[in-house]
Amino acid sequence: MAAATPKPEILAAFEAAKGFMPVGEGLALYAAAADAGALGLPLLEVGTYCGRSTVLLADAAREAGTTAITVDHHRGSEEQQPGWEYHDPTVVDPEVGLMDTLPTFRRTLHEAGLEDHVIAIVGRSPQVAKAWGGKVGLVFIDGGHTDEHATNDYEGWAPHVAEGGLLVIHDVFPDPVDEWTGQAPYRVYLRALESGAFTEVSATDSLRVLRRTGQGI
C-alpha cells in the first residue's frame, strides 16, 4: 500500500512555516504519523519550535480522528541561542530578551487551520514526561541535540509508545563531523535498536522511523 501523503494545502503550510525540516523528511514523517494514527492514540512531538512539523502531525491526527500533542518550552534549544548558527532574532521577545517561539507557532497553526487538532504543552520535556500517564501512537523526538537532552527525551517518552506504535527520531547523523547537530540523536537511535524494543521501519535522510515490537527501552 502506498504511503499516505499530505494534501497540497497542508504541504504548502509546512513549507511556509519557520523551521529546518526538508520536504523529503516531512513526507516521511507524515507517512509515519498516518500509519501510527491507525492505533487511535495521540501523536506526540518533542520539540515544537515554530510548528513546521506540527502541521504534518496535526493533519495526520485529524485524518485519523485523534489529536497531535507537542511539547516545548519555546525558549529555543542550544543551537538557536544568540551567536549560534540557527539563531533567528525575529523570534526573540523584546520585553524579556529571550527566545519565544510560541506566538509564531500559534500563527502557524492558525494559518494552516489546524488549531483544533493540537494540544500544545509549554514546558520542559522531562517534567512533562513524568506527568504523562497514557500511551501514544507515535513519539517524534526533535528537541535538544546534546546527549543530556536527547537521552532525557528518549527515556522520558519512549516508554509511552504503544505496542505497534512508532518512535521517530530526527537529525540522526552517523558522521562524527556532525557532533553538535546529530550525534546525540544518532546515539539514541542506536540505543533504541539495541534495546530490542524497536525495529527500524524506514530511513529518510536524517529521519529514522522505528516500530515498537518488544518491551522496554
Protein backbone atom coordinates (compact mmCIF):
# COMPACT_ATOMS: atom_id res chain seq x y z
CA MET A 1 0.00 0.00 0.00
CA ALA A 2 1.32 3.44 -0.93
CA ALA A 3 2.43 5.72 1.89
CA ALA A 4 -0.02 8.44 2.89
CA THR A 5 0.81 11.93 1.63
CA PRO A 6 -0.42 15.33 2.83
CA LYS A 7 -2.87 17.37 0.83
CA PRO A 8 -1.30 20.18 -1.24
CA GLU A 9 -2.53 22.89 1.13
CA ILE A 10 -1.00 21.09 4.13
CA LEU A 11 2.30 20.63 2.36
CA ALA A 12 2.22 24.32 1.43
CA ALA A 13 1.61 25.28 5.06
CA PHE A 14 4.51 23.08 6.12
CA GLU A 15 6.84 24.68 3.60
CA ALA A 16 5.72 28.19 4.58
CA ALA A 17 6.38 27.67 8.29
CA LYS A 18 9.65 28.57 10.00
CA GLY A 19 11.77 25.52 10.64
CA PHE A 20 14.52 23.29 9.37
CA MET A 21 12.93 20.02 8.20
CA PRO A 22 13.32 19.37 4.44
CA VAL A 23 10.30 18.30 2.41
CA GLY A 24 11.50 14.72 1.92
CA GLU A 25 11.80 14.15 5.65
CA GLY A 26 8.45 15.87 6.15
CA LEU A 27 6.77 13.44 3.77
CA ALA A 28 8.33 10.52 5.66
CA LEU A 29 7.11 11.98 8.95
CA TYR A 30 3.60 12.40 7.57
CA ALA A 31 3.55 8.80 6.34
CA ALA A 32 4.67 7.60 9.77
CA ALA A 33 2.03 9.72 11.51
CA ALA A 34 -0.70 8.37 9.24
CA ASP A 35 0.49 4.81 9.96
CA ALA A 36 0.54 5.38 13.72
CA GLY A 37 -2.80 7.19 13.62
CA ALA A 38 -4.48 3.85 12.89
CA LEU A 39 -3.95 2.97 16.56
CA GLY A 40 -6.35 5.75 17.53
CA LEU A 41 -3.91 7.17 20.07
CA PRO A 42 -2.39 10.67 20.27
CA LEU A 43 0.64 11.55 18.15
CA LEU A 44 3.26 13.29 20.29
CA GLU A 45 6.12 15.56 19.29
CA VAL A 46 9.03 16.69 21.46
CA GLY A 47 10.40 19.95 20.08
CA THR A 48 7.80 22.27 18.56
CA TYR A 49 9.86 25.33 17.57
CA CYS A 50 7.53 27.27 15.22
CA GLY A 51 5.26 24.38 14.25
CA ARG A 52 6.64 23.30 10.87
CA SER A 53 6.48 19.57 11.63
CA THR A 54 3.44 20.04 13.89
CA VAL A 55 1.41 20.93 10.80
CA LEU A 56 2.02 17.45 9.40
CA LEU A 57 1.32 15.64 12.66
CA ALA A 58 -1.84 17.66 13.22
CA ASP A 59 -3.26 16.92 9.80
CA ALA A 60 -2.46 13.21 10.13
CA ALA A 61 -4.12 13.25 13.55
CA ARG A 62 -7.18 14.99 12.12
CA GLU A 63 -7.45 12.39 9.37
CA ALA A 64 -7.19 9.59 11.96
CA GLY A 65 -9.70 11.15 14.36
CA THR A 66 -7.15 11.68 17.10
CA THR A 67 -5.00 14.58 18.40
CA ALA A 68 -1.45 15.81 17.99
CA ILE A 69 0.39 16.84 21.15
CA THR A 70 3.51 18.95 21.01
CA VAL A 71 5.88 19.67 23.90
CA ASP A 72 8.33 22.58 24.03
CA HIS A 73 9.47 25.28 26.46
CA HIS A 74 9.61 27.65 23.48
CA ARG A 75 12.87 29.28 24.63
CA GLY A 76 14.88 27.58 21.87
CA SER A 77 17.47 24.82 22.01
CA GLU A 78 21.19 25.41 22.38
CA GLU A 79 21.99 25.96 18.70
CA GLN A 80 19.18 28.54 18.41
CA GLN A 81 20.56 30.94 21.02
CA PRO A 82 22.20 34.28 20.10
CA GLY A 83 25.58 33.82 18.48
CA TRP A 84 24.80 30.35 17.13
CA GLU A 85 24.15 29.28 13.55
CA TYR A 86 20.43 28.63 13.87
CA HIS A 87 19.52 31.78 15.82
CA ASP A 88 16.58 33.78 14.45
CA PRO A 89 16.31 37.23 16.04
CA THR A 90 12.72 37.61 14.84
CA VAL A 91 11.56 35.11 17.48
CA VAL A 92 13.18 36.91 20.42
CA ASP A 93 10.76 38.53 22.88
CA PRO A 94 11.99 42.14 23.09
CA GLU A 95 10.40 42.59 26.52
CA VAL A 96 12.40 39.85 28.25
CA GLY A 97 15.27 39.38 25.80
CA LEU A 98 14.71 35.63 25.44
CA MET A 99 13.52 33.49 22.58
CA ASP A 100 9.79 32.88 22.48
CA THR A 101 8.60 30.79 19.56
CA LEU A 102 5.11 30.25 20.97
CA PRO A 103 3.42 33.20 19.18
CA THR A 104 4.92 32.15 15.83
CA PHE A 105 3.86 28.56 16.44
CA ARG A 106 0.29 29.66 17.14
CA ARG A 107 0.20 31.69 13.93
CA THR A 108 1.49 28.66 12.01
CA LEU A 109 -1.38 26.50 13.26
CA HIS A 110 -3.96 29.23 12.72
CA GLU A 111 -2.87 29.81 9.13
CA ALA A 112 -2.99 26.06 8.46
CA GLY A 113 -6.46 25.74 10.00
CA LEU A 114 -5.25 23.15 12.49
CA GLU A 115 -5.62 24.80 15.90
CA ASP A 116 -8.43 22.47 16.93
CA HIS A 117 -6.33 19.37 16.33
CA VAL A 118 -3.32 20.18 18.50
CA ILE A 119 -2.67 20.32 22.23
CA ALA A 120 0.39 22.45 22.90
CA ILE A 121 2.17 21.79 26.18
CA VAL A 122 4.57 24.54 27.23
CA GLY A 123 7.19 23.00 29.49
CA ARG A 124 10.42 21.06 29.77
CA SER A 125 10.24 17.63 28.18
CA PRO A 126 11.43 15.59 31.21
CA GLN A 127 8.93 17.29 33.53
CA VAL A 128 6.05 16.77 31.12
CA ALA A 129 7.03 13.14 30.53
CA LYS A 130 6.95 12.43 34.27
CA ALA A 131 3.42 13.82 34.44
CA TRP A 132 2.20 11.97 31.35
CA GLY A 133 0.12 8.90 32.11
CA GLY A 134 -1.09 7.30 28.90
CA LYS A 135 0.15 5.58 25.76
CA VAL A 136 0.68 7.31 22.45
CA GLY A 137 0.75 6.01 18.91
CA LEU A 138 3.81 7.99 17.92
CA VAL A 139 6.65 9.84 19.62
CA PHE A 140 8.66 12.20 17.44
CA ILE A 141 11.92 13.22 19.12
CA ASP A 142 13.14 16.52 17.69
CA GLY A 143 14.30 18.51 20.71
CA GLY A 144 17.73 19.47 22.02
CA HIS A 145 20.81 17.94 20.41
CA THR A 146 23.01 17.42 23.47
CA ASP A 147 23.35 13.92 24.90
CA GLU A 148 21.58 15.10 28.05
CA HIS A 149 18.52 16.38 26.22
CA ALA A 150 18.29 13.63 23.61
CA THR A 151 18.65 10.95 26.29
CA ASN A 152 16.07 12.63 28.52
CA ASP A 153 13.61 12.80 25.63
CA TYR A 154 14.16 9.13 24.82
CA GLU A 155 13.99 7.88 28.39
CA GLY A 156 11.01 10.10 29.17
CA TRP A 157 8.86 9.35 26.15
CA ALA A 158 9.86 6.02 24.57
CA PRO A 159 8.14 4.08 27.39
CA HIS A 160 4.84 5.70 26.34
CA VAL A 161 4.96 4.34 22.77
CA ALA A 162 2.21 1.72 22.48
CA GLU A 163 2.79 -1.76 21.09
CA GLY A 164 2.90 -1.37 17.32
CA GLY A 165 3.39 2.38 17.67
CA LEU A 166 6.23 4.38 16.17
CA LEU A 167 9.29 6.12 17.54
CA VAL A 168 10.57 8.74 15.10
CA ILE A 169 13.95 10.39 15.63
CA HIS A 170 15.10 13.45 13.69
CA ASP A 171 18.62 14.69 12.95
CA VAL A 172 20.29 11.29 13.06
CA PHE A 173 23.77 11.89 11.64
CA PRO A 174 26.22 8.97 11.96
CA ASP A 175 29.24 11.01 10.82
CA PRO A 176 31.27 12.29 13.81
CA VAL A 177 31.75 15.60 11.98
CA ASP A 178 28.14 16.31 12.97
CA GLU A 179 28.84 16.03 16.70
CA TRP A 180 26.80 19.13 17.55
CA THR A 181 23.87 18.63 15.21
CA GLY A 182 23.23 14.93 15.10
CA GLN A 183 25.47 12.63 17.09
CA ALA A 184 23.30 12.64 20.21
CA PRO A 185 20.15 11.68 18.24
CA TYR A 186 22.26 9.05 16.46
CA ARG A 187 23.33 7.55 19.80
CA VAL A 188 19.70 7.49 20.96
CA TYR A 189 18.72 5.79 17.70
CA LEU A 190 21.38 3.10 18.24
CA ARG A 191 20.21 2.63 21.82
CA ALA A 192 16.63 2.11 20.66
CA LEU A 193 17.71 -0.56 18.17
CA GLU A 194 19.99 -2.29 20.68
CA SER A 195 17.19 -2.40 23.27
CA GLY A 196 15.31 -5.00 21.26
CA ALA A 197 12.13 -2.99 21.84
CA PHE A 198 12.18 -1.23 18.47
CA THR A 199 12.65 -2.33 14.87
CA GLU A 200 13.59 0.08 12.11
CA VAL A 201 10.88 0.75 9.55
CA SER A 202 12.46 3.40 7.35
CA ALA A 203 15.29 5.89 6.99
CA THR A 204 14.88 9.11 5.01
CA ASP A 205 17.96 11.31 5.12
CA SER A 206 18.28 12.17 8.86
CA LEU A 207 14.82 10.86 9.83
CA ARG A 208 14.54 7.38 11.35
CA VAL A 209 11.23 5.57 11.92
CA LEU A 210 11.14 2.63 14.34
CA ARG A 211 8.22 0.47 15.43
CA ARG A 212 7.73 -0.89 18.93
CA THR A 213 7.94 -4.67 18.62
CA GLY A 214 9.02 -5.52 22.16
CA GLN A 215 9.01 -4.34 25.74
CA GLY A 216 11.37 -1.88 27.39
CA ILE A 217 13.51 0.95 26.04
